[in-house]
Every structure is written in structure tokens, then in C-alpha cells.
Amino acid sequence: VLFIGVITFALSAVGVKVGSIFGAKYKSKA
């Protein structure tokens, strides 16, 4: 659960940045 939490933390933080730059282009692919 620590591993899952850390991975999710990182990907969520990156997701906010990706969304601000690229928009919803990668949402369904992810």
C-alpha cells in the first residue's frame, strides 16, 4: 500500500501538470 500510494501520488501530481498543458487528450488512453 505504501508503494501504491507513492506511485499514485506521483502520477496524480503529474496528471495535474499534464492536464494544465495538454488538456484531456490522454485521459481515456490512461
PDB file of all heavy atoms in Angstrom:
ATOM      1  N   VAL A   1       0.820  -1.216   0.000  1.00  0.00           N
ATOM      2  CA  VAL A   1       0.000   0.000   0.000  1.00  0.00           C
ATOM      3  C   VAL A   1       0.854   1.267   0.000  1.00  0.00           C
ATOM      4  O   VAL A   1       0.459   2.270  -0.594  1.00  0.00           O
ATOM      5  CB  VAL A   1      -1.040   0.024   1.150  1.00  0.00           C
ATOM      6  CG1 VAL A   1      -2.010  -1.135   1.013  1.00  0.00           C
ATOM      7  CG2 VAL A   1      -0.396   0.019   2.514  1.00  0.00           C
ATOM      8  N   LEU A   2       2.013   1.208   0.624  1.00  0.00           N
ATOM      9  CA  LEU A   2       2.916   2.363   0.548  1.00  0.00           C
ATOM     10  C   LEU A   2       3.374   2.572  -0.895  1.00  0.00           C
ATOM     11  O   LEU A   2       3.399   3.706  -1.385  1.00  0.00           O
ATOM     12  CB  LEU A   2       4.129   2.171   1.469  1.00  0.00           C
ATOM     13  CG  LEU A   2       3.870   2.347   2.953  1.00  0.00           C
ATOM     14  CD1 LEU A   2       5.112   1.958   3.762  1.00  0.00           C
ATOM     15  CD2 LEU A   2       3.465   3.775   3.273  1.00  0.00           C
ATOM     16  N   PHE A   3       3.702   1.487  -1.554  1.00  0.00           N
ATOM     17  CA  PHE A   3       4.142   1.557  -2.947  1.00  0.00           C
ATOM     18  C   PHE A   3       3.028   2.090  -3.842  1.00  0.00           C
ATOM     19  O   PHE A   3       3.240   2.987  -4.654  1.00  0.00           O
ATOM     20  CB  PHE A   3       4.595   0.159  -3.388  1.00  0.00           C
ATOM     21  CG  PHE A   3       5.328   0.138  -4.691  1.00  0.00           C
ATOM     22  CD1 PHE A   3       6.598   0.693  -4.804  1.00  0.00           C
ATOM     23  CD2 PHE A   3       4.767  -0.445  -5.800  1.00  0.00           C
ATOM     24  CE1 PHE A   3       7.286   0.680  -6.005  1.00  0.00           C
ATOM     25  CE2 PHE A   3       5.445  -0.474  -7.007  1.00  0.00           C
ATOM     26  CZ  PHE A   3       6.704   0.086  -7.110  1.00  0.00           C
ATOM     27  N   ILE A   4       1.823   1.559  -3.674  1.00  0.00           N
ATOM     28  CA  ILE A   4       0.663   2.016  -4.462  1.00  0.00           C
ATOM     29  C   ILE A   4       0.396   3.494  -4.197  1.00  0.00           C
ATOM     30  O   ILE A   4       0.153   4.274  -5.112  1.00  0.00           O
ATOM     31  CB  ILE A   4      -0.579   1.164  -4.152  1.00  0.00           C
ATOM     32  CG1 ILE A   4      -0.400  -0.246  -4.725  1.00  0.00           C
ATOM     33  CG2 ILE A   4      -1.851   1.810  -4.710  1.00  0.00           C
ATOM     34  CD1 ILE A   4      -1.437  -1.250  -4.243  1.00  0.00           C
ATOM     35  N   GLY A   5       0.445   3.886  -2.930  1.00  0.00           N
ATOM     36  CA  GLY A   5       0.208   5.291  -2.572  1.00  0.00           C
ATOM     37  C   GLY A   5       1.234   6.235  -3.182  1.00  0.00           C
ATOM     38  O   GLY A   5       0.886   7.300  -3.698  1.00  0.00           O
ATOM     39  N   VAL A   6       2.501   5.851  -3.150  1.00  0.00           N
ATOM     40  CA  VAL A   6       3.564   6.696  -3.702  1.00  0.00           C
ATOM     41  C   VAL A   6       3.432   6.803  -5.220  1.00  0.00           C
ATOM     42  O   VAL A   6       3.550   7.898  -5.785  1.00  0.00           O
ATOM     43  CB  VAL A   6       4.959   6.158  -3.295  1.00  0.00           C
ATOM     44  CG1 VAL A   6       6.076   6.821  -4.089  1.00  0.00           C
ATOM     45  CG2 VAL A   6       5.182   6.357  -1.802  1.00  0.00           C
ATOM     46  N   ILE A   7       3.181   5.674  -5.876  1.00  0.00           N
ATOM     47  CA  ILE A   7       3.014   5.690  -7.335  1.00  0.00           C
ATOM     48  C   ILE A   7       1.824   6.573  -7.709  1.00  0.00           C
ATOM     49  O   ILE A   7       1.900   7.404  -8.626  1.00  0.00           O
ATOM     50  CB  ILE A   7       2.824   4.264  -7.896  1.00  0.00           C
ATOM     51  CG1 ILE A   7       4.076   3.421  -7.694  1.00  0.00           C
ATOM     52  CG2 ILE A   7       2.385   4.288  -9.360  1.00  0.00           C
ATOM     53  CD1 ILE A   7       5.281   3.847  -8.483  1.00  0.00           C
ATOM     54  N   THR A   8       0.712   6.424  -6.984  1.00  0.00           N
ATOM     55  CA  THR A   8      -0.478   7.221  -7.277  1.00  0.00           C
ATOM     56  C   THR A   8      -0.229   8.695  -6.994  1.00  0.00           C
ATOM     57  O   THR A   8      -0.673   9.552  -7.756  1.00  0.00           O
ATOM     58  CB  THR A   8      -1.694   6.711  -6.483  1.00  0.00           C
ATOM     59  OG1 THR A   8      -1.885   5.327  -6.769  1.00  0.00           O
ATOM     60  CG2 THR A   8      -2.945   7.480  -6.840  1.00  0.00           C
ATOM     61  N   PHE A   9       0.466   8.993  -5.907  1.00  0.00           N
ATOM     62  CA  PHE A   9       0.819  10.386  -5.609  1.00  0.00           C
ATOM     63  C   PHE A   9       1.559  10.989  -6.800  1.00  0.00           C
ATOM     64  O   PHE A   9       1.198  12.065  -7.292  1.00  0.00           O
ATOM     65  CB  PHE A   9       1.680  10.479  -4.348  1.00  0.00           C
ATOM     66  CG  PHE A   9       2.190  11.878  -4.090  1.00  0.00           C
ATOM     67  CD1 PHE A   9       1.443  12.754  -3.325  1.00  0.00           C
ATOM     68  CD2 PHE A   9       3.385  12.325  -4.631  1.00  0.00           C
ATOM     69  CE1 PHE A   9       1.889  14.060  -3.097  1.00  0.00           C
ATOM     70  CE2 PHE A   9       3.840  13.613  -4.423  1.00  0.00           C
ATOM     71  CZ  PHE A   9       3.091  14.485  -3.643  1.00  0.00           C
ATOM     72  N   ALA A  10       2.597  10.298  -7.247  1.00  0.00           N
ATOM     73  CA  ALA A  10       3.426  10.828  -8.335  1.00  0.00           C
ATOM     74  C   ALA A  10       2.621  10.995  -9.621  1.00  0.00           C
ATOM     75  O   ALA A  10       2.685  12.045 -10.269  1.00  0.00           O
ATOM     76  CB  ALA A  10       4.624   9.908  -8.569  1.00  0.00           C
ATOM     77  N   LEU A  11       1.853   9.980  -9.987  1.00  0.00           N
ATOM     78  CA  LEU A  11       1.095  10.060 -11.235  1.00  0.00           C
ATOM     79  C   LEU A  11      -0.029  11.095 -11.160  1.00  0.00           C
ATOM     80  O   LEU A  11      -0.342  11.740 -12.163  1.00  0.00           O
ATOM     81  CB  LEU A  11       0.548   8.683 -11.623  1.00  0.00           C
ATOM     82  CG  LEU A  11       1.615   7.697 -12.107  1.00  0.00           C
ATOM     83  CD1 LEU A  11       1.010   6.316 -12.340  1.00  0.00           C
ATOM     84  CD2 LEU A  11       2.298   8.199 -13.363  1.00  0.00           C
ATOM     85  N   SER A  12      -0.623  11.274  -9.996  1.00  0.00           N
ATOM     86  CA  SER A  12      -1.670  12.289  -9.844  1.00  0.00           C
ATOM     87  C   SER A  12      -1.088  13.693  -9.954  1.00  0.00           C
ATOM     88  O   SER A  12      -1.673  14.568 -10.603  1.00  0.00           O
ATOM     89  CB  SER A  12      -2.396  12.116  -8.508  1.00  0.00           C
ATOM     90  OG  SER A  12      -3.044  10.876  -8.457  1.00  0.00           O
ATOM     91  N   ALA A  13       0.052  13.898  -9.313  1.00  0.00           N
ATOM     92  CA  ALA A  13       0.703  15.206  -9.405  1.00  0.00           C
ATOM     93  C   ALA A  13       1.089  15.503 -10.851  1.00  0.00           C
ATOM     94  O   ALA A  13       0.848  16.609 -11.354  1.00  0.00           O
ATOM     95  CB  ALA A  13       1.934  15.235  -8.494  1.00  0.00           C
ATOM     96  N   VAL A  14       1.644  14.509 -11.524  1.00  0.00           N
ATOM     97  CA  VAL A  14       1.999  14.674 -12.932  1.00  0.00           C
ATOM     98  C   VAL A  14       0.741  14.896 -13.768  1.00  0.00           C
ATOM     99  O   VAL A  14       0.737  15.702 -14.701  1.00  0.00           O
ATOM    100  CB  VAL A  14       2.807  13.453 -13.443  1.00  0.00           C
ATOM    101  CG1 VAL A  14       2.917  13.440 -14.958  1.00  0.00           C
ATOM    102  CG2 VAL A  14       4.182  13.431 -12.797  1.00  0.00           C
ATOM    103  N   GLY A  15      -0.350  14.193 -13.426  1.00  0.00           N
ATOM    104  CA  GLY A  15      -1.607  14.339 -14.157  1.00  0.00           C
ATOM    105  C   GLY A  15      -2.139  15.763 -14.132  1.00  0.00           C
ATOM    106  O   GLY A  15      -2.644  16.261 -15.147  1.00  0.00           O
ATOM    107  N   VAL A  16      -2.032  16.429 -12.984  1.00  0.00           N
ATOM    108  CA  VAL A  16      -2.474  17.822 -12.894  1.00  0.00           C
ATOM    109  C   VAL A  16      -1.656  18.680 -13.850  1.00  0.00           C
ATOM    110  O   VAL A  16      -2.204  19.511 -14.583  1.00  0.00           O
ATOM    111  CB  VAL A  16      -2.359  18.356 -11.440  1.00  0.00           C
ATOM    112  CG1 VAL A  16      -2.621  19.849 -11.377  1.00  0.00           C
ATOM    113  CG2 VAL A  16      -3.326  17.610 -10.526  1.00  0.00           C
ATOM    114  N   LYS A  17      -0.348  18.447 -13.884  1.00  0.00           N
ATOM    115  CA  LYS A  17       0.521  19.211 -14.783  1.00  0.00           C
ATOM    116  C   LYS A  17       0.200  18.901 -16.243  1.00  0.00           C
ATOM    117  O   LYS A  17       0.081  19.818 -17.063  1.00  0.00           O
ATOM    118  CB  LYS A  17       1.993  18.882 -14.478  1.00  0.00           C
ATOM    119  CG  LYS A  17       2.972  19.684 -15.280  1.00  0.00           C
ATOM    120  CD  LYS A  17       2.934  21.145 -14.883  1.00  0.00           C
ATOM    121  CE  LYS A  17       4.039  21.912 -15.582  1.00  0.00           C
ATOM    122  NZ  LYS A  17       3.950  23.339 -15.312  1.00  0.00           N
ATOM    123  N   VAL A  18       0.035  17.624 -16.562  1.00  0.00           N
ATOM    124  CA  VAL A  18      -0.305  17.218 -17.933  1.00  0.00           C
ATOM    125  C   VAL A  18      -1.620  17.865 -18.365  1.00  0.00           C
ATOM    126  O   VAL A  18      -1.740  18.381 -19.476  1.00  0.00           O
ATOM    127  CB  VAL A  18      -0.381  15.678 -18.058  1.00  0.00           C
ATOM    128  CG1 VAL A  18      -1.033  15.250 -19.358  1.00  0.00           C
ATOM    129  CG2 VAL A  18       1.008  15.063 -17.930  1.00  0.00           C
ATOM    130  N   GLY A  19      -2.607  17.851 -17.476  1.00  0.00           N
ATOM    131  CA  GLY A  19      -3.903  18.461 -17.790  1.00  0.00           C
ATOM    132  C   GLY A  19      -3.795  19.942 -18.058  1.00  0.00           C
ATOM    133  O   GLY A  19      -4.456  20.467 -18.956  1.00  0.00           O
ATOM    134  N   SER A  20      -2.951  20.616 -17.294  1.00  0.00           N
ATOM    135  CA  SER A  20      -2.811  22.055 -17.494  1.00  0.00           C
ATOM    136  C   SER A  20      -2.096  22.371 -18.810  1.00  0.00           C
ATOM    137  O   SER A  20      -2.298  23.429 -19.382  1.00  0.00           O
ATOM    138  CB  SER A  20      -2.072  22.698 -16.319  1.00  0.00           C
ATOM    139  OG  SER A  20      -0.704  22.375 -16.337  1.00  0.00           O
ATOM    140  N   ILE A  21      -1.282  21.440 -19.274  1.00  0.00           N
ATOM    141  CA  ILE A  21      -0.534  21.668 -20.509  1.00  0.00           C
ATOM    142  C   ILE A  21      -1.263  21.129 -21.741  1.00  0.00           C
ATOM    143  O   ILE A  21      -1.441  21.821 -22.726  1.00  0.00           O
ATOM    144  CB  ILE A  21       0.872  21.019 -20.423  1.00  0.00           C
ATOM    145  CG1 ILE A  21       1.692  21.699 -19.330  1.00  0.00           C
ATOM    146  CG2 ILE A  21       1.599  21.098 -21.762  1.00  0.00           C
ATOM    147  CD1 ILE A  21       3.001  21.001 -19.019  1.00  0.00           C
ATOM    148  N   PHE A  22      -1.689  19.869 -21.671  1.00  0.00           N
ATOM    149  CA  PHE A  22      -2.213  19.191 -22.847  1.00  0.00           C
ATOM    150  C   PHE A  22      -3.726  19.024 -22.870  1.00  0.00           C
ATOM    151  O   PHE A  22      -4.281  18.638 -23.892  1.00  0.00           O
ATOM    152  CB  PHE A  22      -1.596  17.795 -22.980  1.00  0.00           C
ATOM    153  CG  PHE A  22      -0.118  17.820 -23.173  1.00  0.00           C
ATOM    154  CD1 PHE A  22       0.733  17.419 -22.162  1.00  0.00           C
ATOM    155  CD2 PHE A  22       0.430  18.250 -24.368  1.00  0.00           C
ATOM    156  CE1 PHE A  22       2.104  17.434 -22.331  1.00  0.00           C
ATOM    157  CE2 PHE A  22       1.803  18.268 -24.550  1.00  0.00           C
ATOM    158  CZ  PHE A  22       2.645  17.858 -23.525  1.00  0.00           C
ATOM    159  N   GLY A  23      -4.387  19.240 -21.746  1.00  0.00           N
ATOM    160  CA  GLY A  23      -5.834  19.040 -21.708  1.00  0.00           C
ATOM    161  C   GLY A  23      -6.188  17.580 -21.551  1.00  0.00           C
ATOM    162  O   GLY A  23      -5.412  16.787 -21.062  1.00  0.00           O
ATOM    163  N   ALA A  24      -7.373  17.203 -21.982  1.00  0.00           N
ATOM    164  CA  ALA A  24      -7.927  15.872 -21.742  1.00  0.00           C
ATOM    165  C   ALA A  24      -7.495  14.833 -22.778  1.00  0.00           C
ATOM    166  O   ALA A  24      -8.038  13.744 -22.814  1.00  0.00           O
ATOM    167  CB  ALA A  24      -9.444  15.963 -21.700  1.00  0.00           C
ATOM    168  N   LYS A  25      -6.505  15.140 -23.576  1.00  0.00           N
ATOM    169  CA  LYS A  25      -6.080  14.263 -24.664  1.00  0.00           C
ATOM    170  C   LYS A  25      -5.713  12.853 -24.191  1.00  0.00           C
ATOM    171  O   LYS A  25      -5.983  11.877 -24.879  1.00  0.00           O
ATOM    172  CB  LYS A  25      -4.885  14.897 -25.374  1.00  0.00           C
ATOM    173  CG  LYS A  25      -4.352  14.120 -26.541  1.00  0.00           C
ATOM    174  CD  LYS A  25      -3.205  14.867 -27.193  1.00  0.00           C
ATOM    175  CE  LYS A  25      -2.633  14.087 -28.350  1.00  0.00           C
ATOM    176  NZ  LYS A  25      -1.502  14.782 -28.957  1.00  0.00           N
ATOM    177  N   TYR A  26      -5.096  12.717 -23.011  1.00  0.00           N
ATOM    178  CA  TYR A  26      -4.583  11.430 -22.559  1.00  0.00           C
ATOM    179  C   TYR A  26      -5.483  10.721 -21.554  1.00  0.00           C
ATOM    180  O   TYR A  26      -5.173   9.614 -21.137  1.00  0.00           O
ATOM    181  CB  TYR A  26      -3.189  11.610 -21.958  1.00  0.00           C
ATOM    182  CG  TYR A  26      -2.206  12.154 -22.956  1.00  0.00           C
ATOM    183  CD1 TYR A  26      -1.772  13.465 -22.891  1.00  0.00           C
ATOM    184  CD2 TYR A  26      -1.752  11.362 -23.991  1.00  0.00           C
ATOM    185  CE1 TYR A  26      -0.887  13.972 -23.818  1.00  0.00           C
ATOM    186  CE2 TYR A  26      -0.864  11.858 -24.929  1.00  0.00           C
ATOM    187  CZ  TYR A  26      -0.432  13.163 -24.842  1.00  0.00           C
ATOM    188  OH  TYR A  26       0.433  13.659 -25.763  1.00  0.00           O
ATOM    189  N   LYS A  27      -6.586  11.334 -21.167  1.00  0.00           N
ATOM    190  CA  LYS A  27      -7.455  10.776 -20.131  1.00  0.00           C
ATOM    191  C   LYS A  27      -7.939   9.376 -20.480  1.00  0.00           C
ATOM    192  O   LYS A  27      -7.740   8.435 -19.721  1.00  0.00           O
ATOM    193  CB  LYS A  27      -8.634  11.710 -19.883  1.00  0.00           C
ATOM    194  CG  LYS A  27      -9.626  11.194 -18.888  1.00  0.00           C
ATOM    195  CD  LYS A  27     -10.822  12.147 -18.796  1.00  0.00           C
ATOM    196  CE  LYS A  27     -11.891  11.609 -17.900  1.00  0.00           C
ATOM    197  NZ  LYS A  27     -12.549  10.440 -18.409  1.00  0.00           N
ATOM    198  N   SER A  28      -8.582   9.198 -21.609  1.00  0.00           N
ATOM    199  CA  SER A  28      -9.158   7.899 -21.944  1.00  0.00           C
ATOM    200  C   SER A  28      -8.066   6.872 -22.243  1.00  0.00           C
ATOM    201  O   SER A  28      -8.225   5.692 -21.918  1.00  0.00           O
ATOM    202  CB  SER A  28     -10.126   8.015 -23.119  1.00  0.00           C
ATOM    203  OG  SER A  28      -9.455   8.457 -24.271  1.00  0.00           O
ATOM    204  N   LYS A  29      -6.958   7.290 -22.807  1.00  0.00           N
ATOM    205  CA  LYS A  29      -5.857   6.365 -23.072  1.00  0.00           C
ATOM    206  C   LYS A  29      -5.287   5.829 -21.763  1.00  0.00           C
ATOM    207  O   LYS A  29      -4.942   4.647 -21.659  1.00  0.00           O
ATOM    208  CB  LYS A  29      -4.769   7.049 -23.892  1.00  0.00           C
ATOM    209  CG  LYS A  29      -5.209   7.353 -25.310  1.00  0.00           C
ATOM    210  CD  LYS A  29      -4.163   8.120 -26.067  1.00  0.00           C
ATOM    211  CE  LYS A  29      -4.709   8.476 -27.440  1.00  0.00           C
ATOM    212  NZ  LYS A  29      -3.946   9.449 -28.141  1.00  0.00           N
ATOM    213  N   ALA A  30      -5.173   6.677 -20.753  1.00  0.00           N
ATOM    214  CA  ALA A  30      -4.656   6.253 -19.456  1.00  0.00           C
ATOM    215  C   ALA A  30      -5.609   5.259 -18.798  1.00  0.00           C
ATOM    216  O   ALA A  30      -5.170   4.232 -18.263  1.00  0.00           O
ATOM    217  CB  ALA A  30      -4.449   7.465 -18.545  1.00  0.00           C
TER     218      ALA A  30
END
